[in-house]
Amino acid sequence: MATRNRPLPRQPVNGASANGRHEPAGTAAGVRARGRGPAIWLAGDPADLKDWLQYGATGIVTNTVVLNDMAKKYGQVTDVIKRYLDITDRQVVVEIDGHSTAELLEVGDVFTKMSKQVVLKVPSTVHGLGAFRALSQAGVETMCTTVFSLTQAAVVAQAGATHVLPFCEPFKAVGGDPTKLVRECAEMFRGWEQRPLVTAALVRSVDTAYAALRDGADGIIIF
């Protein structure tokens, strides 16, 4: 049953269809259609991830820190993304940044043109809101990063983000509850039509992974 806070309708992503047709592996629409349980996304060096992808990982997620480190090893960021694409047929999430919505979309266009596997990860900023809206209307799947509060999660969901990424380990580092925001998001989105997926980010310990899945995360991102 939909709530009064139902988000605006979104277009199907990455070739997804609303008619029940089989969806590409790893897409948000595909996860909903198959109902296979929580998604496990991997992060790290492409040389390390290749062996682990065979065990059913949903895809690969990057962040700006990892991309900068990998660029020192493999060359330009586009070369790094190509390495990820070469080792999997699943989704590869590329984090982008920019000082305006137009800049975010311009940078994102570079990577979405590389492959239909690419998902864009955009920071939770005012400029990001415009990017989520435009990318949603274009049918591009997105992840929203740097989500630290329930109000942020609500706003980016309304703007059209496909995945909301509550940070976990940073809260644990300062003595807080690492999965409180996961619980809050799962509760807030319950009943929404085409709600965003709640994907726990910065999960770097077994106990945090357990807590995130227990508390209702649709998926986790692990190194």
Protein backbone atom coordinates (compact mmCIF):
# COMPACT_ATOMS: atom_id res chain seq x y z
CA MET A 1 0.00 0.00 0.00
CA ALA A 2 1.50 3.35 -1.04
CA THR A 3 1.96 6.09 1.50
CA ARG A 4 1.17 9.76 1.09
CA ASN A 5 4.89 10.31 0.60
CA ARG A 6 5.02 8.20 -2.54
CA PRO A 7 7.87 9.36 -4.78
CA LEU A 8 7.38 10.54 -8.32
CA PRO A 9 7.23 7.73 -10.93
CA ARG A 10 10.51 6.85 -12.60
CA GLN A 11 11.33 5.44 -15.99
CA PRO A 12 12.69 1.87 -16.18
CA VAL A 13 16.49 1.77 -15.96
CA ASN A 14 19.10 0.18 -18.22
CA GLY A 15 16.58 -1.45 -20.54
CA ALA A 16 14.33 -2.55 -17.71
CA SER A 17 10.67 -3.01 -18.49
CA ALA A 18 7.56 -2.64 -16.39
CA ASN A 19 5.88 -5.66 -18.04
CA GLY A 20 7.66 -8.40 -16.09
CA ARG A 21 10.28 -9.17 -18.75
CA HIS A 22 13.58 -10.62 -17.51
CA GLU A 23 15.95 -7.82 -16.56
CA PRO A 24 19.75 -7.59 -16.94
CA ALA A 25 21.68 -9.07 -14.02
CA GLY A 26 22.30 -6.60 -11.24
CA THR A 27 19.99 -3.76 -12.28
CA ALA A 28 17.70 -2.40 -9.61
CA ALA A 29 14.66 -3.48 -11.62
CA GLY A 30 16.22 -6.92 -12.08
CA VAL A 31 16.80 -7.31 -8.35
CA ARG A 32 13.17 -6.49 -7.66
CA ALA A 33 11.96 -8.86 -10.38
CA ARG A 34 14.04 -11.83 -9.25
CA GLY A 35 13.73 -11.33 -5.51
CA ARG A 36 17.01 -13.15 -4.89
CA GLY A 37 17.75 -11.44 -1.61
CA PRO A 38 20.30 -8.81 -0.57
CA ALA A 39 22.83 -7.68 -3.16
CA ILE A 40 26.55 -7.86 -2.41
CA TRP A 41 28.60 -5.25 -4.23
CA LEU A 42 32.40 -5.40 -4.31
CA ALA A 43 34.95 -2.59 -4.13
CA GLY A 44 38.72 -2.65 -4.59
CA ASP A 45 41.49 -3.28 -7.09
CA PRO A 46 40.28 -4.94 -10.33
CA ALA A 47 43.15 -7.44 -10.02
CA ASP A 48 41.79 -8.54 -6.62
CA LEU A 49 38.10 -8.56 -7.55
CA LYS A 50 38.26 -10.84 -10.57
CA ASP A 51 38.37 -14.05 -8.53
CA TRP A 52 35.52 -12.98 -6.24
CA LEU A 53 33.02 -11.97 -8.93
CA GLN A 54 32.33 -15.60 -9.80
CA TYR A 55 30.52 -16.15 -6.50
CA GLY A 56 27.45 -14.14 -7.40
CA ALA A 57 28.37 -10.53 -6.63
CA THR A 58 25.89 -8.00 -7.99
CA GLY A 59 28.61 -5.77 -9.40
CA ILE A 60 31.51 -3.43 -8.63
CA VAL A 61 31.32 -0.09 -6.85
CA THR A 62 33.99 2.61 -6.99
CA ASN A 63 34.53 5.76 -4.99
CA THR A 64 36.76 8.75 -5.65
CA VAL A 65 39.45 7.57 -3.23
CA VAL A 66 39.67 4.14 -4.84
CA LEU A 67 39.61 5.62 -8.34
CA ASN A 68 42.45 8.01 -7.53
CA ASP A 69 44.52 5.18 -6.06
CA MET A 70 43.82 2.90 -9.03
CA ALA A 71 44.65 5.71 -11.49
CA LYS A 72 48.15 5.86 -9.99
CA LYS A 73 48.51 2.17 -10.80
CA TYR A 74 46.64 1.81 -14.09
CA GLY A 75 46.59 5.24 -15.73
CA GLN A 76 43.62 7.53 -16.34
CA VAL A 77 40.30 6.96 -14.57
CA THR A 78 38.71 5.88 -17.85
CA ASP A 79 41.41 3.21 -18.14
CA VAL A 80 40.56 2.02 -14.62
CA ILE A 81 36.87 1.75 -15.46
CA LYS A 82 37.71 -0.18 -18.61
CA ARG A 83 39.63 -2.68 -16.48
CA TYR A 84 36.57 -3.18 -14.30
CA LEU A 85 34.35 -3.62 -17.35
CA ASP A 86 36.78 -6.15 -18.80
CA ILE A 87 36.44 -8.49 -15.81
CA THR A 88 32.66 -8.58 -15.46
CA ASP A 89 29.40 -8.49 -17.37
CA ARG A 90 27.66 -7.06 -14.31
CA GLN A 91 27.20 -3.45 -13.32
CA VAL A 92 30.12 -1.14 -12.60
CA VAL A 93 29.31 1.87 -10.45
CA VAL A 94 31.40 4.97 -11.16
CA GLU A 95 31.48 7.81 -8.64
CA ILE A 96 31.49 11.25 -10.22
CA ASP A 97 31.84 14.76 -8.86
CA GLY A 98 31.28 18.28 -10.11
CA HIS A 99 30.64 21.87 -9.09
CA SER A 100 27.29 22.11 -10.87
CA THR A 101 24.52 19.86 -12.15
CA ALA A 102 25.70 20.45 -15.70
CA GLU A 103 29.24 19.41 -14.79
CA LEU A 104 28.01 16.25 -13.07
CA LEU A 105 25.99 15.30 -16.14
CA GLU A 106 28.89 16.09 -18.47
CA VAL A 107 31.29 13.90 -16.47
CA GLY A 108 28.69 11.16 -16.14
CA ASP A 109 28.11 11.14 -19.88
CA VAL A 110 31.76 10.17 -20.43
CA PHE A 111 31.27 6.97 -18.44
CA THR A 112 27.74 5.99 -19.49
CA LYS A 113 28.94 6.12 -23.10
CA MET A 114 31.58 3.52 -22.25
CA SER A 115 29.06 0.78 -21.48
CA LYS A 116 25.42 0.09 -20.58
CA GLN A 117 26.83 -1.65 -17.50
CA VAL A 118 27.80 1.70 -15.95
CA VAL A 119 25.82 3.08 -13.02
CA LEU A 120 26.59 6.59 -11.80
CA LYS A 121 27.23 7.34 -8.13
CA VAL A 122 26.50 10.97 -7.30
CA PRO A 123 27.06 12.83 -4.00
CA SER A 124 24.11 14.02 -1.93
CA THR A 125 24.40 17.72 -2.75
CA VAL A 126 22.15 20.42 -4.16
CA HIS A 127 23.81 19.94 -7.55
CA GLY A 128 23.33 16.21 -7.18
CA LEU A 129 19.55 16.65 -6.89
CA GLY A 130 19.41 18.10 -10.38
CA ALA A 131 21.57 15.28 -11.68
CA PHE A 132 19.36 12.60 -10.09
CA ARG A 133 16.28 14.14 -11.67
CA ALA A 134 17.85 14.38 -15.14
CA LEU A 135 19.42 10.91 -15.01
CA SER A 136 16.19 9.36 -13.75
CA GLN A 137 14.28 10.88 -16.65
CA ALA A 138 16.96 9.53 -19.02
CA GLY A 139 16.62 6.02 -17.57
CA VAL A 140 20.13 5.96 -16.05
CA GLU A 141 20.47 4.02 -12.80
CA THR A 142 22.10 5.97 -9.96
CA MET A 143 23.49 5.56 -6.47
CA CYS A 144 23.46 8.44 -3.99
CA THR A 145 26.52 8.59 -1.75
CA THR A 146 27.47 10.67 1.33
CA VAL A 147 24.04 10.10 2.88
CA PHE A 148 24.28 10.85 6.60
CA SER A 149 20.67 11.62 7.56
CA LEU A 150 17.10 10.50 6.96
CA THR A 151 16.19 13.90 5.53
CA GLN A 152 18.96 13.59 2.92
CA ALA A 153 17.68 10.13 2.02
CA ALA A 154 14.13 11.42 1.58
CA VAL A 155 15.16 14.31 -0.65
CA VAL A 156 17.40 12.30 -3.00
CA ALA A 157 14.75 9.57 -3.25
CA GLN A 158 12.18 12.13 -4.36
CA ALA A 159 14.70 13.50 -6.87
CA GLY A 160 14.97 10.06 -8.47
CA ALA A 161 18.02 8.24 -7.02
CA THR A 162 17.75 4.49 -7.63
CA HIS A 163 19.89 3.48 -4.63
CA VAL A 164 20.36 5.37 -1.35
CA LEU A 165 23.71 4.61 0.33
CA PRO A 166 23.70 5.22 4.10
CA PHE A 167 27.27 5.36 5.42
CA CYS A 168 27.88 2.82 8.19
CA GLU A 169 31.45 2.49 9.41
CA PRO A 170 32.05 6.25 9.95
CA PHE A 171 29.32 6.25 12.61
CA LYS A 172 30.90 3.23 14.28
CA ALA A 173 34.28 5.00 14.33
CA VAL A 174 32.87 7.80 16.50
CA GLY A 175 30.97 5.50 18.84
CA GLY A 176 27.61 5.70 17.09
CA ASP A 177 25.20 3.06 15.80
CA PRO A 178 26.53 2.14 12.32
CA THR A 179 23.20 0.87 10.97
CA LYS A 180 20.70 3.26 12.57
CA LEU A 181 20.26 5.11 9.28
CA VAL A 182 19.79 1.82 7.42
CA ARG A 183 16.88 0.99 9.76
CA GLU A 184 15.39 4.45 9.41
CA CYS A 185 15.56 4.35 5.60
CA ALA A 186 14.10 0.84 5.41
CA GLU A 187 11.18 1.95 7.58
CA MET A 188 10.63 5.24 5.74
CA PHE A 189 10.59 3.64 2.29
CA ARG A 190 8.34 0.74 3.29
CA GLY A 191 5.21 0.94 1.16
CA TRP A 192 6.62 3.34 -1.44
CA GLU A 193 5.98 2.35 -5.02
CA GLN A 194 9.29 1.86 -6.86
CA ARG A 195 11.14 2.86 -3.73
CA PRO A 196 14.92 3.33 -3.91
CA LEU A 197 17.03 0.41 -2.77
CA VAL A 198 18.81 0.90 0.56
CA THR A 199 22.43 -0.16 0.02
CA ALA A 200 24.69 0.02 3.07
CA ALA A 201 27.99 1.69 2.20
CA LEU A 202 31.41 1.69 3.85
CA VAL A 203 30.81 -1.73 5.39
CA ARG A 204 34.24 -2.87 6.53
CA SER A 205 33.61 -5.43 9.26
CA VAL A 206 31.65 -8.66 9.63
CA ASP A 207 29.52 -7.32 12.48
CA THR A 208 28.51 -4.22 10.50
CA ALA A 209 27.62 -6.36 7.47
CA TYR A 210 25.48 -8.58 9.70
CA ALA A 211 23.76 -5.59 11.32
CA ALA A 212 23.04 -3.91 7.97
CA LEU A 213 21.41 -7.03 6.52
CA ARG A 214 19.51 -7.70 9.76
CA ASP A 215 18.20 -4.13 9.79
CA GLY A 216 16.73 -4.28 6.30
CA ALA A 217 19.43 -3.26 3.81
CA ASP A 218 18.68 -4.34 0.25
CA GLY A 219 22.42 -4.74 -0.25
CA ILE A 220 25.87 -4.00 1.11
CA ILE A 221 29.11 -2.69 -0.40
CA ILE A 222 32.23 -4.49 0.86
CA PHE A 223 35.95 -4.36 0.16
